[in-house]
Amino acid sequence: MLGRALAPLHRFAEAVAALLLAVIFIAFIVQIVLRYVFNWPVGWTTELSLAAWLWLVLWGAAFVLKDDEEIRIELIADRAGPARRRVMTAVGALGVLVLFGMSLPAAYDYVTFMKVEKSSYLGVRMDITYSIYIVFVVAVLVRSLRRLVRAVRGTLPAPGTPGVTSSSP
C-alpha cells in the first residue's frame, strides 16, 4: 500500500534525474559548439555540468535508487544462516546510522557556511549547490533505519528472492 502511494513520488524523482542528465548533455553540446564552431570558449557550461552531475548522483542515490539496486558486497552474509544474516545486516545498518549520523552536524555546518561563496561563472551560492548532500545523508539515514528495523523484525527478503540482488554466484 505504501509502495503505491510513493510511486508518483518515485516517478517524480526519476523525472528530476532525467532532467539533470539532459542539462548535462545540453551544456556539453553547447560547450562544444561555442568552443569549436564559434571559437568562443566559455566556463559556465562546465560549471553547470559539474553542479548538475553532483545533484544527479546524490539525488539519484537518495530518491531513485531502490534498495535492491544498491551495490552491496554480501559474500559472507549470503552464505550465513538467516539469524546470522539478520545480525550482520543489523550491525551494518547500525554502523551506517552511527557514522552518517555523526557526520550530519558537521556537514550541515559546512554547507550553511558555504553561503558566503558563489560559483565563478553562474554566481550560484555554494550552499545551494551543496545542499543536496544534506538531503542525501538524511535519505541514507532513513534507509538504514528502515533496514535495521527490518533486520530486527526479521522481515528482510531472503537472498535469491526475485527483485533482490545478491553478490553470490
N, C-alpha and C. Protein backbone atom coordinates (compact mmCIF):
# COMPACT_ATOMS: atom_id res chain seq x y z
N MET A 1 0.82 -1.19 0.00
CA MET A 1 0.00 0.00 0.00
C MET A 1 0.87 1.26 0.00
N LEU A 2 1.90 1.27 0.85
CA LEU A 2 2.79 2.42 0.90
C LEU A 2 3.52 2.58 -0.43
N GLY A 3 3.87 1.44 -1.04
CA GLY A 3 4.54 1.49 -2.34
C GLY A 3 3.72 2.18 -3.41
N ARG A 4 2.42 1.91 -3.40
CA ARG A 4 1.54 2.57 -4.38
C ARG A 4 1.45 4.07 -4.12
N ALA A 5 1.43 4.44 -2.85
CA ALA A 5 1.33 5.86 -2.51
C ALA A 5 2.60 6.61 -2.89
N LEU A 6 3.74 5.92 -2.78
CA LEU A 6 5.02 6.57 -3.09
C LEU A 6 5.40 6.49 -4.56
N ALA A 7 4.68 5.71 -5.34
CA ALA A 7 5.01 5.53 -6.77
C ALA A 7 5.06 6.87 -7.53
N PRO A 8 4.08 7.76 -7.34
CA PRO A 8 4.18 9.05 -8.05
C PRO A 8 5.40 9.87 -7.63
N LEU A 9 5.78 9.78 -6.35
CA LEU A 9 6.98 10.49 -5.90
C LEU A 9 8.24 9.89 -6.52
N HIS A 10 8.25 8.58 -6.67
CA HIS A 10 9.40 7.93 -7.29
C HIS A 10 9.50 8.32 -8.77
N ARG A 11 8.37 8.38 -9.45
CA ARG A 11 8.38 8.82 -10.85
C ARG A 11 8.85 10.27 -10.96
N PHE A 12 8.43 11.12 -10.02
CA PHE A 12 8.90 12.50 -10.00
C PHE A 12 10.41 12.55 -9.80
N ALA A 13 10.93 11.74 -8.87
CA ALA A 13 12.37 11.71 -8.63
C ALA A 13 13.12 11.25 -9.87
N GLU A 14 12.57 10.26 -10.58
CA GLU A 14 13.19 9.81 -11.82
C GLU A 14 13.16 10.91 -12.88
N ALA A 15 12.07 11.66 -12.94
CA ALA A 15 11.96 12.75 -13.91
C ALA A 15 12.99 13.84 -13.61
N VAL A 16 13.19 14.15 -12.35
CA VAL A 16 14.20 15.15 -11.97
C VAL A 16 15.59 14.66 -12.39
N ALA A 17 15.87 13.38 -12.14
CA ALA A 17 17.16 12.81 -12.54
C ALA A 17 17.34 12.88 -14.05
N ALA A 18 16.29 12.57 -14.80
CA ALA A 18 16.36 12.65 -16.26
C ALA A 18 16.60 14.09 -16.71
N LEU A 19 15.94 15.03 -16.06
CA LEU A 19 16.13 16.44 -16.39
C LEU A 19 17.58 16.87 -16.13
N LEU A 20 18.13 16.44 -15.01
CA LEU A 20 19.52 16.77 -14.70
C LEU A 20 20.47 16.18 -15.74
N LEU A 21 20.19 14.96 -16.17
CA LEU A 21 21.01 14.34 -17.20
C LEU A 21 20.90 15.11 -18.52
N ALA A 22 19.70 15.57 -18.83
CA ALA A 22 19.50 16.38 -20.04
C ALA A 22 20.27 17.70 -19.95
N VAL A 23 20.27 18.32 -18.78
CA VAL A 23 21.01 19.57 -18.59
C VAL A 23 22.50 19.34 -18.85
N ILE A 24 23.03 18.24 -18.31
CA ILE A 24 24.44 17.93 -18.53
C ILE A 24 24.73 17.75 -20.02
N PHE A 25 23.88 17.00 -20.70
CA PHE A 25 24.09 16.73 -22.12
C PHE A 25 24.00 18.02 -22.94
N ILE A 26 22.99 18.84 -22.68
CA ILE A 26 22.82 20.08 -23.44
C ILE A 26 23.99 21.04 -23.18
N ALA A 27 24.42 21.14 -21.93
CA ALA A 27 25.56 22.01 -21.62
C ALA A 27 26.81 21.52 -22.33
N PHE A 28 26.98 20.21 -22.41
CA PHE A 28 28.12 19.64 -23.11
C PHE A 28 28.09 20.00 -24.60
N ILE A 29 26.94 19.86 -25.22
CA ILE A 29 26.80 20.19 -26.65
C ILE A 29 27.02 21.69 -26.87
N VAL A 30 26.44 22.51 -26.02
CA VAL A 30 26.63 23.96 -26.14
C VAL A 30 28.11 24.32 -26.02
N GLN A 31 28.79 23.68 -25.08
CA GLN A 31 30.22 23.95 -24.90
C GLN A 31 31.01 23.59 -26.16
N ILE A 32 30.71 22.46 -26.76
CA ILE A 32 31.42 22.05 -27.98
C ILE A 32 31.15 23.03 -29.12
N VAL A 33 29.90 23.42 -29.30
CA VAL A 33 29.54 24.34 -30.38
C VAL A 33 30.22 25.69 -30.17
N LEU A 34 30.14 26.21 -28.95
CA LEU A 34 30.73 27.53 -28.70
C LEU A 34 32.25 27.50 -28.86
N ARG A 35 32.87 26.44 -28.42
CA ARG A 35 34.33 26.39 -28.47
C ARG A 35 34.85 26.11 -29.88
N TYR A 36 34.27 25.13 -30.55
CA TYR A 36 34.86 24.67 -31.83
C TYR A 36 34.21 25.25 -33.07
N VAL A 37 32.99 25.75 -32.95
CA VAL A 37 32.35 26.37 -34.11
C VAL A 37 32.56 27.88 -34.09
N PHE A 38 32.36 28.49 -32.91
CA PHE A 38 32.47 29.95 -32.82
C PHE A 38 33.79 30.42 -32.21
N ASN A 39 34.66 29.47 -31.84
CA ASN A 39 35.94 29.80 -31.21
C ASN A 39 35.74 30.72 -30.00
N TRP A 40 34.76 30.37 -29.18
CA TRP A 40 34.41 31.18 -28.02
C TRP A 40 34.31 30.27 -26.80
N PRO A 41 35.45 29.97 -26.17
CA PRO A 41 35.42 29.10 -25.01
C PRO A 41 34.72 29.78 -23.83
N VAL A 42 33.84 29.03 -23.18
CA VAL A 42 33.11 29.56 -22.03
C VAL A 42 33.27 28.59 -20.86
N GLY A 43 33.16 29.12 -19.66
CA GLY A 43 33.31 28.29 -18.48
C GLY A 43 32.01 27.92 -17.81
N TRP A 44 30.95 28.68 -18.11
CA TRP A 44 29.69 28.42 -17.40
C TRP A 44 29.11 27.05 -17.72
N THR A 45 29.40 26.52 -18.92
CA THR A 45 28.87 25.21 -19.28
C THR A 45 29.51 24.11 -18.42
N THR A 46 30.79 24.23 -18.15
CA THR A 46 31.46 23.27 -17.28
C THR A 46 30.93 23.36 -15.87
N GLU A 47 30.76 24.57 -15.40
CA GLU A 47 30.23 24.77 -14.05
C GLU A 47 28.82 24.20 -13.90
N LEU A 48 27.99 24.46 -14.91
CA LEU A 48 26.63 23.93 -14.89
C LEU A 48 26.64 22.40 -14.94
N SER A 49 27.49 21.83 -15.78
CA SER A 49 27.58 20.37 -15.88
C SER A 49 28.02 19.74 -14.57
N LEU A 50 29.02 20.33 -13.92
CA LEU A 50 29.51 19.79 -12.66
C LEU A 50 28.45 19.85 -11.56
N ALA A 51 27.75 20.98 -11.48
CA ALA A 51 26.70 21.11 -10.47
C ALA A 51 25.55 20.13 -10.74
N ALA A 52 25.18 20.00 -12.01
CA ALA A 52 24.10 19.07 -12.36
C ALA A 52 24.53 17.63 -12.11
N TRP A 53 25.80 17.32 -12.37
CA TRP A 53 26.29 15.96 -12.10
C TRP A 53 26.25 15.67 -10.60
N LEU A 54 26.70 16.61 -9.78
CA LEU A 54 26.65 16.44 -8.32
C LEU A 54 25.22 16.18 -7.86
N TRP A 55 24.30 16.98 -8.33
CA TRP A 55 22.90 16.80 -7.96
C TRP A 55 22.34 15.49 -8.50
N LEU A 56 22.71 15.12 -9.73
CA LEU A 56 22.22 13.88 -10.31
C LEU A 56 22.65 12.67 -9.49
N VAL A 57 23.92 12.60 -9.14
CA VAL A 57 24.43 11.45 -8.39
C VAL A 57 23.78 11.35 -7.02
N LEU A 58 23.77 12.45 -6.28
CA LEU A 58 23.23 12.40 -4.92
C LEU A 58 21.71 12.31 -4.90
N TRP A 59 21.04 12.99 -5.81
CA TRP A 59 19.57 12.89 -5.93
C TRP A 59 19.18 11.45 -6.29
N GLY A 60 19.88 10.91 -7.26
CA GLY A 60 19.59 9.54 -7.68
C GLY A 60 19.82 8.54 -6.56
N ALA A 61 20.92 8.69 -5.83
CA ALA A 61 21.20 7.78 -4.72
C ALA A 61 20.18 7.94 -3.60
N ALA A 62 19.67 9.14 -3.41
CA ALA A 62 18.73 9.39 -2.32
C ALA A 62 17.31 8.95 -2.67
N PHE A 63 16.87 9.19 -3.90
CA PHE A 63 15.45 9.02 -4.22
C PHE A 63 15.13 8.06 -5.36
N VAL A 64 16.05 7.82 -6.25
CA VAL A 64 15.75 6.99 -7.42
C VAL A 64 16.16 5.53 -7.19
N LEU A 65 17.33 5.35 -6.63
CA LEU A 65 17.86 4.01 -6.41
C LEU A 65 17.01 3.25 -5.40
N LYS A 66 16.59 2.05 -5.78
CA LYS A 66 15.80 1.20 -4.88
C LYS A 66 16.76 0.35 -4.05
N ASP A 67 16.27 -0.15 -2.92
CA ASP A 67 17.12 -0.94 -2.03
C ASP A 67 17.74 -2.13 -2.74
N ASP A 68 16.99 -2.79 -3.59
CA ASP A 68 17.52 -3.98 -4.26
C ASP A 68 18.46 -3.62 -5.42
N GLU A 69 18.60 -2.34 -5.73
CA GLU A 69 19.51 -1.91 -6.79
C GLU A 69 20.83 -1.39 -6.24
N GLU A 70 20.91 -1.26 -4.93
CA GLU A 70 22.16 -0.79 -4.32
C GLU A 70 23.22 -1.87 -4.45
N ILE A 71 24.45 -1.44 -4.55
CA ILE A 71 25.56 -2.38 -4.62
C ILE A 71 26.00 -2.67 -3.20
N ARG A 72 25.93 -3.93 -2.84
CA ARG A 72 26.40 -4.37 -1.53
C ARG A 72 27.26 -5.60 -1.75
N ILE A 73 28.32 -5.69 -1.01
CA ILE A 73 29.16 -6.88 -1.06
C ILE A 73 28.76 -7.73 0.14
N GLU A 74 28.03 -8.76 -0.15
CA GLU A 74 27.49 -9.61 0.91
C GLU A 74 27.96 -11.04 0.77
N LEU A 75 29.22 -11.20 0.45
CA LEU A 75 29.75 -12.54 0.24
C LEU A 75 29.61 -13.41 1.48
N ILE A 76 29.86 -12.85 2.62
CA ILE A 76 29.77 -13.62 3.86
C ILE A 76 28.31 -13.74 4.31
N ALA A 77 27.57 -12.64 4.24
CA ALA A 77 26.18 -12.66 4.71
C ALA A 77 25.32 -13.61 3.89
N ASP A 78 25.57 -13.71 2.59
CA ASP A 78 24.77 -14.59 1.75
C ASP A 78 24.99 -16.07 2.09
N ARG A 79 26.13 -16.38 2.65
CA ARG A 79 26.44 -17.77 2.99
C ARG A 79 26.08 -18.11 4.44
N ALA A 80 25.66 -17.12 5.19
CA ALA A 80 25.28 -17.34 6.59
C ALA A 80 23.82 -17.75 6.67
N GLY A 81 23.47 -18.31 7.78
CA GLY A 81 22.07 -18.67 8.02
C GLY A 81 21.23 -17.42 8.24
N PRO A 82 19.92 -17.59 8.28
CA PRO A 82 19.03 -16.43 8.42
C PRO A 82 19.30 -15.60 9.67
N ALA A 83 19.56 -16.24 10.79
CA ALA A 83 19.78 -15.49 12.04
C ALA A 83 21.07 -14.68 11.96
N ARG A 84 22.13 -15.30 11.50
CA ARG A 84 23.40 -14.57 11.37
C ARG A 84 23.30 -13.45 10.33
N ARG A 85 22.59 -13.72 9.25
CA ARG A 85 22.41 -12.70 8.22
C ARG A 85 21.68 -11.49 8.79
N ARG A 86 20.66 -11.74 9.61
CA ARG A 86 19.93 -10.64 10.25
C ARG A 86 20.86 -9.83 11.15
N VAL A 87 21.70 -10.53 11.92
CA VAL A 87 22.64 -9.83 12.81
C VAL A 87 23.62 -9.00 12.00
N MET A 88 24.19 -9.58 10.95
CA MET A 88 25.15 -8.85 10.11
C MET A 88 24.49 -7.64 9.46
N THR A 89 23.28 -7.82 9.00
CA THR A 89 22.55 -6.70 8.38
C THR A 89 22.29 -5.61 9.40
N ALA A 90 21.88 -6.01 10.59
CA ALA A 90 21.60 -5.03 11.65
C ALA A 90 22.86 -4.28 12.05
N VAL A 91 23.98 -4.99 12.19
CA VAL A 91 25.24 -4.35 12.56
C VAL A 91 25.69 -3.38 11.46
N GLY A 92 25.57 -3.80 10.21
CA GLY A 92 25.93 -2.92 9.09
C GLY A 92 25.07 -1.68 9.04
N ALA A 93 23.76 -1.86 9.20
CA ALA A 93 22.85 -0.71 9.18
C ALA A 93 23.12 0.21 10.36
N LEU A 94 23.40 -0.37 11.52
CA LEU A 94 23.71 0.45 12.69
C LEU A 94 25.01 1.23 12.50
N GLY A 95 25.99 0.59 11.86
CA GLY A 95 27.25 1.29 11.56
C GLY A 95 27.03 2.48 10.65
N VAL A 96 26.22 2.30 9.61
CA VAL A 96 25.91 3.40 8.69
C VAL A 96 25.17 4.50 9.44
N LEU A 97 24.21 4.12 10.28
CA LEU A 97 23.46 5.11 11.06
C LEU A 97 24.39 5.93 11.96
N VAL A 98 25.30 5.26 12.64
CA VAL A 98 26.21 5.96 13.55
C VAL A 98 27.14 6.88 12.79
N LEU A 99 27.77 6.36 11.73
CA LEU A 99 28.76 7.16 11.01
C LEU A 99 28.13 8.34 10.27
N PHE A 100 27.05 8.10 9.55
CA PHE A 100 26.40 9.21 8.85
C PHE A 100 25.73 10.15 9.84
N GLY A 101 25.19 9.60 10.92
CA GLY A 101 24.59 10.46 11.95
C GLY A 101 25.62 11.38 12.60
N MET A 102 26.81 10.84 12.84
CA MET A 102 27.88 11.66 13.42
C MET A 102 28.35 12.73 12.44
N SER A 103 28.31 12.42 11.15
CA SER A 103 28.81 13.38 10.16
C SER A 103 27.80 14.48 9.83
N LEU A 104 26.53 14.23 10.11
CA LEU A 104 25.49 15.17 9.68
C LEU A 104 25.66 16.58 10.26
N PRO A 105 25.90 16.75 11.57
CA PRO A 105 26.05 18.13 12.07
C PRO A 105 27.21 18.88 11.42
N ALA A 106 28.34 18.22 11.23
CA ALA A 106 29.49 18.88 10.60
C ALA A 106 29.19 19.20 9.13
N ALA A 107 28.54 18.27 8.45
CA ALA A 107 28.19 18.52 7.05
C ALA A 107 27.21 19.68 6.95
N TYR A 108 26.24 19.73 7.84
CA TYR A 108 25.28 20.83 7.84
C TYR A 108 25.99 22.17 8.10
N ASP A 109 26.89 22.18 9.08
CA ASP A 109 27.64 23.40 9.36
C ASP A 109 28.44 23.85 8.15
N TYR A 110 29.08 22.92 7.46
CA TYR A 110 29.88 23.26 6.30
C TYR A 110 29.01 23.81 5.18
N VAL A 111 27.90 23.13 4.91
CA VAL A 111 27.02 23.58 3.82
C VAL A 111 26.47 24.97 4.13
N THR A 112 26.02 25.20 5.34
CA THR A 112 25.48 26.53 5.67
C THR A 112 26.57 27.60 5.67
N PHE A 113 27.80 27.21 6.03
CA PHE A 113 28.91 28.16 5.97
C PHE A 113 29.20 28.59 4.54
N MET A 114 28.96 27.69 3.59
CA MET A 114 29.29 27.98 2.19
C MET A 114 28.39 29.03 1.56
N LYS A 115 27.44 29.57 2.31
CA LYS A 115 26.60 30.64 1.75
C LYS A 115 27.42 31.89 1.43
N VAL A 116 28.62 31.98 1.98
CA VAL A 116 29.47 33.13 1.72
C VAL A 116 30.19 33.03 0.38
N GLU A 117 30.19 31.84 -0.23
CA GLU A 117 30.87 31.62 -1.51
C GLU A 117 29.85 31.52 -2.64
N LYS A 118 30.26 31.97 -3.81
CA LYS A 118 29.44 31.85 -5.01
C LYS A 118 30.27 31.19 -6.10
N SER A 119 29.58 30.52 -7.01
CA SER A 119 30.29 29.89 -8.12
C SER A 119 30.87 30.97 -9.03
N SER A 120 31.93 30.63 -9.73
CA SER A 120 32.69 31.62 -10.50
C SER A 120 31.92 32.24 -11.65
N TYR A 121 31.22 31.41 -12.43
CA TYR A 121 30.59 31.91 -13.65
C TYR A 121 29.11 32.22 -13.46
N LEU A 122 28.39 31.31 -12.82
CA LEU A 122 26.94 31.47 -12.70
C LEU A 122 26.52 32.29 -11.49
N GLY A 123 27.41 32.43 -10.52
CA GLY A 123 27.10 33.22 -9.34
C GLY A 123 26.11 32.55 -8.38
N VAL A 124 26.01 31.22 -8.45
CA VAL A 124 25.09 30.49 -7.57
C VAL A 124 25.77 30.30 -6.22
N ARG A 125 25.03 30.56 -5.15
CA ARG A 125 25.61 30.36 -3.82
C ARG A 125 25.97 28.89 -3.64
N MET A 126 27.12 28.64 -3.04
CA MET A 126 27.61 27.28 -2.89
C MET A 126 26.81 26.47 -1.87
N ASP A 127 26.14 27.13 -0.93
CA ASP A 127 25.30 26.36 0.00
C ASP A 127 24.12 25.74 -0.74
N ILE A 128 23.64 26.41 -1.77
CA ILE A 128 22.55 25.84 -2.58
C ILE A 128 23.09 24.66 -3.39
N THR A 129 24.28 24.82 -3.95
CA THR A 129 24.88 23.74 -4.73
C THR A 129 25.10 22.50 -3.87
N TYR A 130 25.62 22.67 -2.67
CA TYR A 130 25.96 21.53 -1.82
C TYR A 130 24.82 21.07 -0.92
N SER A 131 23.70 21.74 -0.94
CA SER A 131 22.58 21.36 -0.06
C SER A 131 22.06 19.96 -0.36
N ILE A 132 22.24 19.48 -1.56
CA ILE A 132 21.78 18.14 -1.91
C ILE A 132 22.50 17.09 -1.06
N TYR A 133 23.69 17.38 -0.58
CA TYR A 133 24.40 16.41 0.25
C TYR A 133 23.66 16.17 1.56
N ILE A 134 23.09 17.20 2.13
CA ILE A 134 22.32 17.04 3.38
C ILE A 134 21.09 16.18 3.10
N VAL A 135 20.43 16.42 1.99
CA VAL A 135 19.27 15.60 1.61
C VAL A 135 19.70 14.14 1.45
N PHE A 136 20.83 13.93 0.80
CA PHE A 136 21.36 12.58 0.61
C PHE A 136 21.64 11.89 1.94
N VAL A 137 22.29 12.58 2.86
CA VAL A 137 22.62 11.98 4.16
C VAL A 137 21.35 11.61 4.91
N VAL A 138 20.36 12.48 4.91
CA VAL A 138 19.09 12.18 5.59
C VAL A 138 18.43 10.96 4.93
N ALA A 139 18.46 10.87 3.62
CA ALA A 139 17.88 9.71 2.93
C ALA A 139 18.63 8.43 3.29
N VAL A 140 19.95 8.50 3.38
CA VAL A 140 20.74 7.33 3.78
C VAL A 140 20.38 6.93 5.21
N LEU A 141 20.21 7.89 6.08
CA LEU A 141 19.84 7.59 7.47
C LEU A 141 18.47 6.91 7.53
N VAL A 142 17.52 7.42 6.78
CA VAL A 142 16.17 6.82 6.78
C VAL A 142 16.22 5.41 6.22
N ARG A 143 16.93 5.21 5.12
CA ARG A 143 17.04 3.87 4.53
C ARG A 143 17.72 2.89 5.49
N SER A 144 18.78 3.35 6.14
CA SER A 144 19.50 2.48 7.07
C SER A 144 18.64 2.15 8.29
N LEU A 145 17.89 3.11 8.76
CA LEU A 145 16.99 2.85 9.88
C LEU A 145 15.93 1.83 9.48
N ARG A 146 15.40 1.98 8.29
CA ARG A 146 14.42 1.01 7.80
C ARG A 146 15.04 -0.38 7.67
N ARG A 147 16.25 -0.44 7.17
CA ARG A 147 16.94 -1.74 7.05
C ARG A 147 17.21 -2.34 8.42
N LEU A 148 17.60 -1.53 9.39
CA LEU A 148 17.83 -2.01 10.75
C LEU A 148 16.54 -2.57 11.35
N VAL A 149 15.45 -1.84 11.19
CA VAL A 149 14.16 -2.30 11.72
C VAL A 149 13.75 -3.60 11.06
N ARG A 150 13.92 -3.70 9.76
CA ARG A 150 13.56 -4.93 9.04
C ARG A 150 14.44 -6.10 9.50
N ALA A 151 15.71 -5.83 9.77
CA ALA A 151 16.59 -6.90 10.24
C ALA A 151 16.19 -7.37 11.63
N VAL A 152 15.87 -6.43 12.50
CA VAL A 152 15.48 -6.78 13.86
C VAL A 152 14.15 -7.53 13.87
N ARG A 153 13.22 -7.10 13.04
CA ARG A 153 11.91 -7.76 12.96
C ARG A 153 11.95 -9.07 12.19
N GLY A 154 13.00 -9.28 11.43
CA GLY A 154 13.09 -10.50 10.65
C GLY A 154 12.30 -10.45 9.36
N THR A 155 12.10 -9.26 8.82
CA THR A 155 11.31 -9.12 7.59
C THR A 155 12.18 -8.82 6.36
N LEU A 156 13.46 -9.13 6.45
CA LEU A 156 14.34 -8.94 5.29
C LEU A 156 14.03 -9.99 4.23
N PRO A 157 14.07 -9.62 2.96
CA PRO A 157 13.88 -10.64 1.92
C PRO A 157 15.06 -11.60 1.91
N ALA A 158 14.77 -12.84 1.62
CA ALA A 158 15.83 -13.86 1.56
C ALA A 158 16.67 -13.65 0.31
N PRO A 159 17.97 -14.01 0.37
CA PRO A 159 18.79 -13.92 -0.84
C PRO A 159 18.21 -14.81 -1.92
N GLY A 160 18.25 -14.35 -3.14
CA GLY A 160 17.71 -15.11 -4.25
C GLY A 160 16.25 -14.82 -4.53
N THR A 161 15.63 -13.96 -3.68
CA THR A 161 14.23 -13.56 -3.92
C THR A 161 14.19 -12.68 -5.15
N PRO A 162 13.21 -12.89 -6.06
CA PRO A 162 13.14 -12.03 -7.24
C PRO A 162 13.08 -10.56 -6.85
N GLY A 163 13.88 -9.76 -7.55
CA GLY A 163 13.94 -8.33 -7.26
C GLY A 163 14.97 -7.99 -6.21
N VAL A 164 15.62 -9.00 -5.64
CA VAL A 164 16.66 -8.76 -4.64
C VAL A 164 17.97 -9.22 -5.23
N THR A 165 18.92 -8.31 -5.32
CA THR A 165 20.21 -8.67 -5.89
C THR A 165 21.04 -9.37 -4.85
N SER A 166 21.93 -10.18 -5.30
CA SER A 166 22.81 -10.91 -4.40
C SER A 166 24.19 -10.94 -5.01
N SER A 167 25.19 -10.91 -4.18
CA SER A 167 26.56 -10.91 -4.68
C SER A 167 27.11 -12.31 -4.84
N SER A 168 26.37 -13.30 -4.39
CA SER A 168 26.87 -14.67 -4.51
C SER A 168 26.63 -15.20 -5.92
N PRO A 169 27.44 -16.16 -6.36
CA PRO A 169 27.31 -16.66 -7.73
C PRO A 169 26.04 -17.43 -7.96
